[in-house]
Amino acid sequence: MSPSLRRLRTLGLLSAILVLGGCGNAFTRLSEVGAPPPLTTIQNPTSQPGYQPVSLPLPATVPVIRNANSLWRTGARGFFKDQRASQVGDILTVIIDLQDSAKINNSTSRSRTAAEDASLGRFLGYEAALDAILPEAITNTNLIDADSKGSNTGVGKIERDETIKIKVAAIVTQILPNGNMVIRGRQEVRVNFEVRELQVMGVIRPEDIGSTNSVPSEKIAEARISYGGRGQITDVQQPRYGQQIYDIFFPF
């Protein structure tokens, strides 16, 4: 097989792989033409394929002391029933208030110069014989003469200013042995042909839940907050699949 035919065959295989890889998503998109993007059904988070229980280092468990003939329990937060989330399946409100600002300037400059010079003026009296062996253009008294010079300059600048303020209800999915709670919340809002999706998950302390059954996002340990969307506007803002693949493999 000639090299040209081999290249055409390889190109055809790559094209077939790309087309087949995008067929599933393309057929789904075609079935949704003229209709708004569908919302996902409400499901149990713990039954999802990627769900895993949280396991963290925990302090020693402190036994609960119960007082006989008393309505008061040691460690209770109030005399009457507490309406704040405390068990698996309870709902609480997560207040997300992120104001992230960063400014970084970096500058790097590096320079290096090196020189090498070697000659063979005397070689046990055989320098004349070397003149006969070596080509006429080479002189044994000036065999090596090398110079090198390198220079590198780099400048980097980052400016970022992000603000997100939103509230979302989350469900307690797990109670850790030390009393901390794992929460997970998801919210989808569809406006015309665009779906905005907000996800939050992490670990909170019962003491950080306020009287309104809410917890601020800065009190969430191992917080994972995602705010994005999908739909026609998002599709326009994203580069085409071919361009994304080209950017990954193009080495220059």
Protein backbone atom coordinates (compact mmCIF):
# COMPACT_ATOMS: atom_id res chain seq x y z
CA MET A 1 0.00 0.00 0.00
CA SER A 2 1.41 3.38 -1.00
CA PRO A 3 2.04 6.06 1.66
CA SER A 4 -0.67 8.31 0.17
CA LEU A 5 -3.30 5.57 0.34
CA ARG A 6 -2.21 4.74 3.89
CA ARG A 7 -2.64 8.37 4.92
CA LEU A 8 -6.08 8.53 3.30
CA ARG A 9 -7.12 5.36 5.10
CA THR A 10 -5.96 6.72 8.45
CA LEU A 11 -7.78 10.00 7.84
CA GLY A 12 -10.94 8.10 6.95
CA LEU A 13 -10.80 6.05 10.14
CA LEU A 14 -10.33 9.17 12.26
CA SER A 15 -13.26 10.86 10.53
CA ALA A 16 -15.46 7.81 11.09
CA ILE A 17 -14.56 7.75 14.79
CA LEU A 18 -15.40 11.43 15.18
CA VAL A 19 -18.70 11.05 13.32
CA LEU A 20 -19.78 7.98 15.30
CA GLY A 21 -18.73 9.60 18.58
CA GLY A 22 -20.97 12.58 17.92
CA CYS A 23 -23.92 10.64 16.48
CA GLY A 24 -25.54 9.96 19.85
CA ASN A 25 -25.51 13.60 20.89
CA ALA A 26 -26.46 14.72 17.37
CA PHE A 27 -29.53 12.46 17.26
CA THR A 28 -30.57 13.70 20.71
CA ARG A 29 -30.20 17.30 19.58
CA LEU A 30 -32.20 16.61 16.42
CA SER A 31 -35.05 15.11 18.46
CA GLU A 32 -35.20 18.32 20.53
CA VAL A 33 -35.39 20.75 17.60
CA GLY A 34 -38.22 23.22 18.20
CA ALA A 35 -38.68 22.11 21.82
CA PRO A 36 -37.18 23.54 25.00
CA PRO A 37 -34.42 21.51 26.68
CA PRO A 38 -36.00 18.93 29.02
CA LEU A 39 -35.60 19.08 32.77
CA THR A 40 -34.24 16.02 34.54
CA THR A 41 -36.57 14.08 36.81
CA ILE A 42 -36.27 14.24 40.59
CA GLN A 43 -34.19 11.30 41.74
CA ASN A 44 -32.62 9.99 44.91
CA PRO A 45 -29.02 11.34 44.92
CA THR A 46 -27.72 8.27 46.74
CA SER A 47 -28.91 5.98 43.93
CA GLN A 48 -27.00 7.79 41.17
CA PRO A 49 -24.15 5.84 39.47
CA GLY A 50 -21.43 8.24 40.64
CA TYR A 51 -22.61 8.63 44.23
CA GLN A 52 -20.21 7.56 46.99
CA PRO A 53 -20.64 7.96 50.77
CA VAL A 54 -18.29 10.49 52.31
CA SER A 55 -15.53 9.18 54.57
CA LEU A 56 -13.47 11.73 56.53
CA PRO A 57 -11.13 11.66 59.57
CA LEU A 58 -13.33 11.97 62.65
CA PRO A 59 -12.70 12.72 66.34
CA ALA A 60 -13.67 10.30 69.09
CA THR A 61 -17.42 9.91 69.54
CA VAL A 62 -18.74 11.58 72.70
CA PRO A 63 -21.57 9.59 74.36
CA VAL A 64 -24.86 11.42 74.91
CA ILE A 65 -25.69 11.84 78.60
CA ARG A 66 -29.39 11.59 79.42
CA ASN A 67 -30.68 13.08 82.64
CA ALA A 68 -33.28 11.02 84.44
CA ASN A 69 -36.61 12.67 85.25
CA SER A 70 -35.76 15.69 83.11
CA LEU A 71 -37.05 17.06 79.81
CA TRP A 72 -33.66 18.61 79.14
CA ARG A 73 -31.09 16.59 77.21
CA THR A 74 -27.39 17.39 77.39
CA GLY A 75 -26.23 18.85 74.08
CA ALA A 76 -29.72 19.96 72.99
CA ARG A 77 -29.93 23.35 71.27
CA GLY A 78 -33.31 24.30 72.67
CA PHE A 79 -36.04 23.26 75.11
CA PHE A 80 -38.69 22.88 72.43
CA LYS A 81 -38.42 20.84 69.24
CA ASP A 82 -35.74 22.13 66.91
CA GLN A 83 -37.02 22.79 63.39
CA ARG A 84 -33.56 22.83 61.85
CA ALA A 85 -32.29 19.97 59.69
CA SER A 86 -30.83 17.17 61.77
CA GLN A 87 -31.59 13.85 60.06
CA VAL A 88 -31.10 12.22 56.67
CA GLY A 89 -33.75 13.52 54.30
CA ASP A 90 -34.19 16.88 56.04
CA ILE A 91 -34.05 20.02 53.90
CA LEU A 92 -32.11 23.20 54.61
CA THR A 93 -31.29 26.34 52.64
CA VAL A 94 -27.76 27.05 51.41
CA ILE A 95 -26.97 30.74 50.97
CA ILE A 96 -24.30 31.12 48.30
CA ASP A 97 -22.55 34.47 48.43
CA LEU A 98 -19.26 34.26 46.56
CA GLN A 99 -17.24 37.41 45.90
CA ASP A 100 -13.93 36.29 44.46
CA SER A 101 -11.35 38.80 43.30
CA ALA A 102 -7.74 38.14 42.34
CA LYS A 103 -4.97 40.08 40.60
CA ILE A 104 -1.60 38.48 39.81
CA ASN A 105 1.34 39.87 37.87
CA ASN A 106 4.39 37.72 37.07
CA SER A 107 7.53 38.59 35.15
CA THR A 108 10.49 36.31 34.41
CA SER A 109 13.73 37.04 32.58
CA ARG A 110 16.62 34.64 32.03
CA SER A 111 19.83 34.87 29.99
CA ARG A 112 22.81 32.55 29.51
CA THR A 113 26.00 32.75 27.41
CA ALA A 114 28.55 29.94 26.89
CA ALA A 115 31.69 29.56 24.75
CA GLU A 116 33.99 26.60 24.00
CA ASP A 117 37.38 26.64 22.21
CA ALA A 118 39.67 23.62 21.70
CA SER A 119 42.86 23.10 19.69
CA LEU A 120 45.45 20.34 19.13
CA GLY A 121 48.72 22.19 18.45
CA ARG A 122 50.98 19.35 19.61
CA PHE A 123 50.26 15.62 19.42
CA LEU A 124 53.44 13.63 20.23
CA GLY A 125 55.12 15.09 17.18
CA TYR A 126 52.48 13.71 14.82
CA GLU A 127 50.73 16.98 14.17
CA ALA A 128 52.16 17.05 10.65
CA ALA A 129 50.71 13.57 10.03
CA LEU A 130 47.35 14.80 11.30
CA ASP A 131 47.51 17.58 8.74
CA ALA A 132 47.84 14.93 6.07
CA ILE A 133 44.95 12.86 7.43
CA LEU A 134 42.48 15.63 8.20
CA PRO A 135 40.74 17.43 5.34
CA GLU A 136 42.41 20.53 3.98
CA ALA A 137 39.67 22.74 5.40
CA ILE A 138 40.42 21.60 8.96
CA THR A 139 43.31 22.94 10.98
CA ASN A 140 44.41 20.85 13.93
CA THR A 141 45.32 23.94 15.93
CA ASN A 142 41.73 25.11 15.79
CA LEU A 143 39.55 22.00 15.98
CA ILE A 144 36.56 23.17 18.06
CA ASP A 145 35.08 26.62 18.43
CA ALA A 146 31.52 26.73 19.77
CA ASP A 147 29.43 29.62 21.06
CA SER A 148 25.91 29.55 22.49
CA LYS A 149 23.59 32.20 23.80
CA GLY A 150 20.13 31.79 25.28
CA SER A 151 17.52 34.26 26.40
CA ASN A 152 14.01 33.79 27.81
CA THR A 153 11.49 36.42 28.86
CA GLY A 154 8.02 35.70 30.23
CA VAL A 155 5.22 37.99 31.40
CA GLY A 156 1.94 36.81 32.93
CA LYS A 157 -1.08 38.73 34.19
CA ILE A 158 -4.34 37.51 35.73
CA GLU A 159 -7.31 39.66 36.71
CA ARG A 160 -10.49 37.99 37.97
CA ASP A 161 -13.62 39.35 39.57
CA GLU A 162 -16.53 36.97 40.19
CA THR A 163 -19.73 37.46 42.16
CA ILE A 164 -22.46 34.86 42.72
CA LYS A 165 -25.40 35.40 45.06
CA ILE A 166 -28.12 32.77 45.12
CA LYS A 167 -30.04 30.47 47.47
CA VAL A 168 -30.71 26.78 46.93
CA ALA A 169 -32.40 24.08 49.01
CA ALA A 170 -30.28 21.04 49.85
CA ILE A 171 -31.03 17.62 51.32
CA VAL A 172 -29.11 15.92 54.11
CA THR A 173 -27.84 12.69 52.53
CA GLN A 174 -25.62 11.36 55.30
CA ILE A 175 -24.87 11.83 59.01
CA LEU A 176 -21.21 11.30 59.91
CA PRO A 177 -20.25 9.63 63.22
CA ASN A 178 -19.20 12.96 64.75
CA GLY A 179 -22.57 14.58 63.93
CA ASN A 180 -21.53 16.50 60.83
CA MET A 181 -23.92 16.28 57.90
CA VAL A 182 -23.31 15.71 54.20
CA ILE A 183 -25.63 17.82 52.06
CA ARG A 184 -26.44 17.84 48.38
CA GLY A 185 -28.67 20.23 46.46
CA ARG A 186 -29.58 20.78 42.85
CA GLN A 187 -31.75 23.38 41.16
CA GLU A 188 -32.77 23.74 37.54
CA VAL A 189 -34.50 26.79 36.08
CA ARG A 190 -35.64 26.94 32.46
CA VAL A 191 -36.19 30.28 30.77
CA ASN A 192 -37.32 29.95 27.15
CA PHE A 193 -34.72 27.67 25.54
CA GLU A 194 -32.02 27.92 28.20
CA VAL A 195 -31.67 25.88 31.40
CA ARG A 196 -29.70 27.26 34.33
CA GLU A 197 -28.39 24.59 36.67
CA LEU A 198 -27.02 25.05 40.19
CA GLN A 199 -25.42 22.27 42.22
CA VAL A 200 -23.99 22.38 45.71
CA MET A 201 -22.59 19.66 47.97
CA GLY A 202 -20.31 19.42 50.99
CA VAL A 203 -20.10 18.81 54.73
CA ILE A 204 -21.59 21.12 57.39
CA ARG A 205 -21.76 21.25 61.18
CA PRO A 206 -25.17 21.31 62.87
CA GLU A 207 -23.94 24.30 64.92
CA ASP A 208 -23.55 26.36 61.73
CA ILE A 209 -27.22 26.03 60.76
CA GLY A 210 -28.96 29.28 61.65
CA SER A 211 -32.36 29.81 63.23
CA THR A 212 -33.91 30.13 59.75
CA ASN A 213 -32.66 26.62 58.86
CA SER A 214 -30.03 28.03 56.51
CA VAL A 215 -26.25 27.77 56.26
CA PRO A 216 -23.87 30.14 54.44
CA SER A 217 -21.63 28.68 51.75
CA GLU A 218 -18.43 29.66 53.59
CA LYS A 219 -19.42 27.25 56.39
CA ILE A 220 -19.45 24.26 54.02
CA ALA A 221 -16.36 22.06 54.17
CA GLU A 222 -15.23 20.30 50.98
CA ALA A 223 -17.71 22.52 49.15
CA ARG A 224 -18.45 21.75 45.51
CA ILE A 225 -20.48 24.51 43.87
CA SER A 226 -21.37 24.47 40.18
CA TYR A 227 -23.37 27.10 38.34
CA GLY A 228 -23.85 26.74 34.61
CA GLY A 229 -26.38 26.10 31.92
CA ARG A 230 -27.31 24.30 28.76
CA GLY A 231 -29.40 25.27 25.79
CA GLN A 232 -29.22 27.34 22.63
CA ILE A 233 -27.32 30.27 24.15
CA THR A 234 -24.72 27.98 25.74
CA ASP A 235 -24.27 26.14 22.44
CA VAL A 236 -23.46 29.38 20.64
CA GLN A 237 -20.92 30.36 23.31
CA GLN A 238 -19.03 27.04 22.99
CA PRO A 239 -16.63 26.28 20.11
CA ARG A 240 -17.49 23.46 17.74
CA TYR A 241 -16.39 19.90 18.53
CA GLY A 242 -13.93 19.90 15.66
CA GLN A 243 -12.30 23.08 16.89
CA GLN A 244 -12.03 21.71 20.43
CA ILE A 245 -10.38 18.50 19.18
CA TYR A 246 -8.07 20.55 16.95
CA ASP A 247 -7.01 22.69 19.93
CA ILE A 248 -6.21 19.56 21.96
CA PHE A 249 -4.00 17.83 19.36
CA PHE A 250 -2.45 20.80 17.54
CA PRO A 251 1.11 21.06 18.96
CA PHE A 252 1.88 24.65 17.91
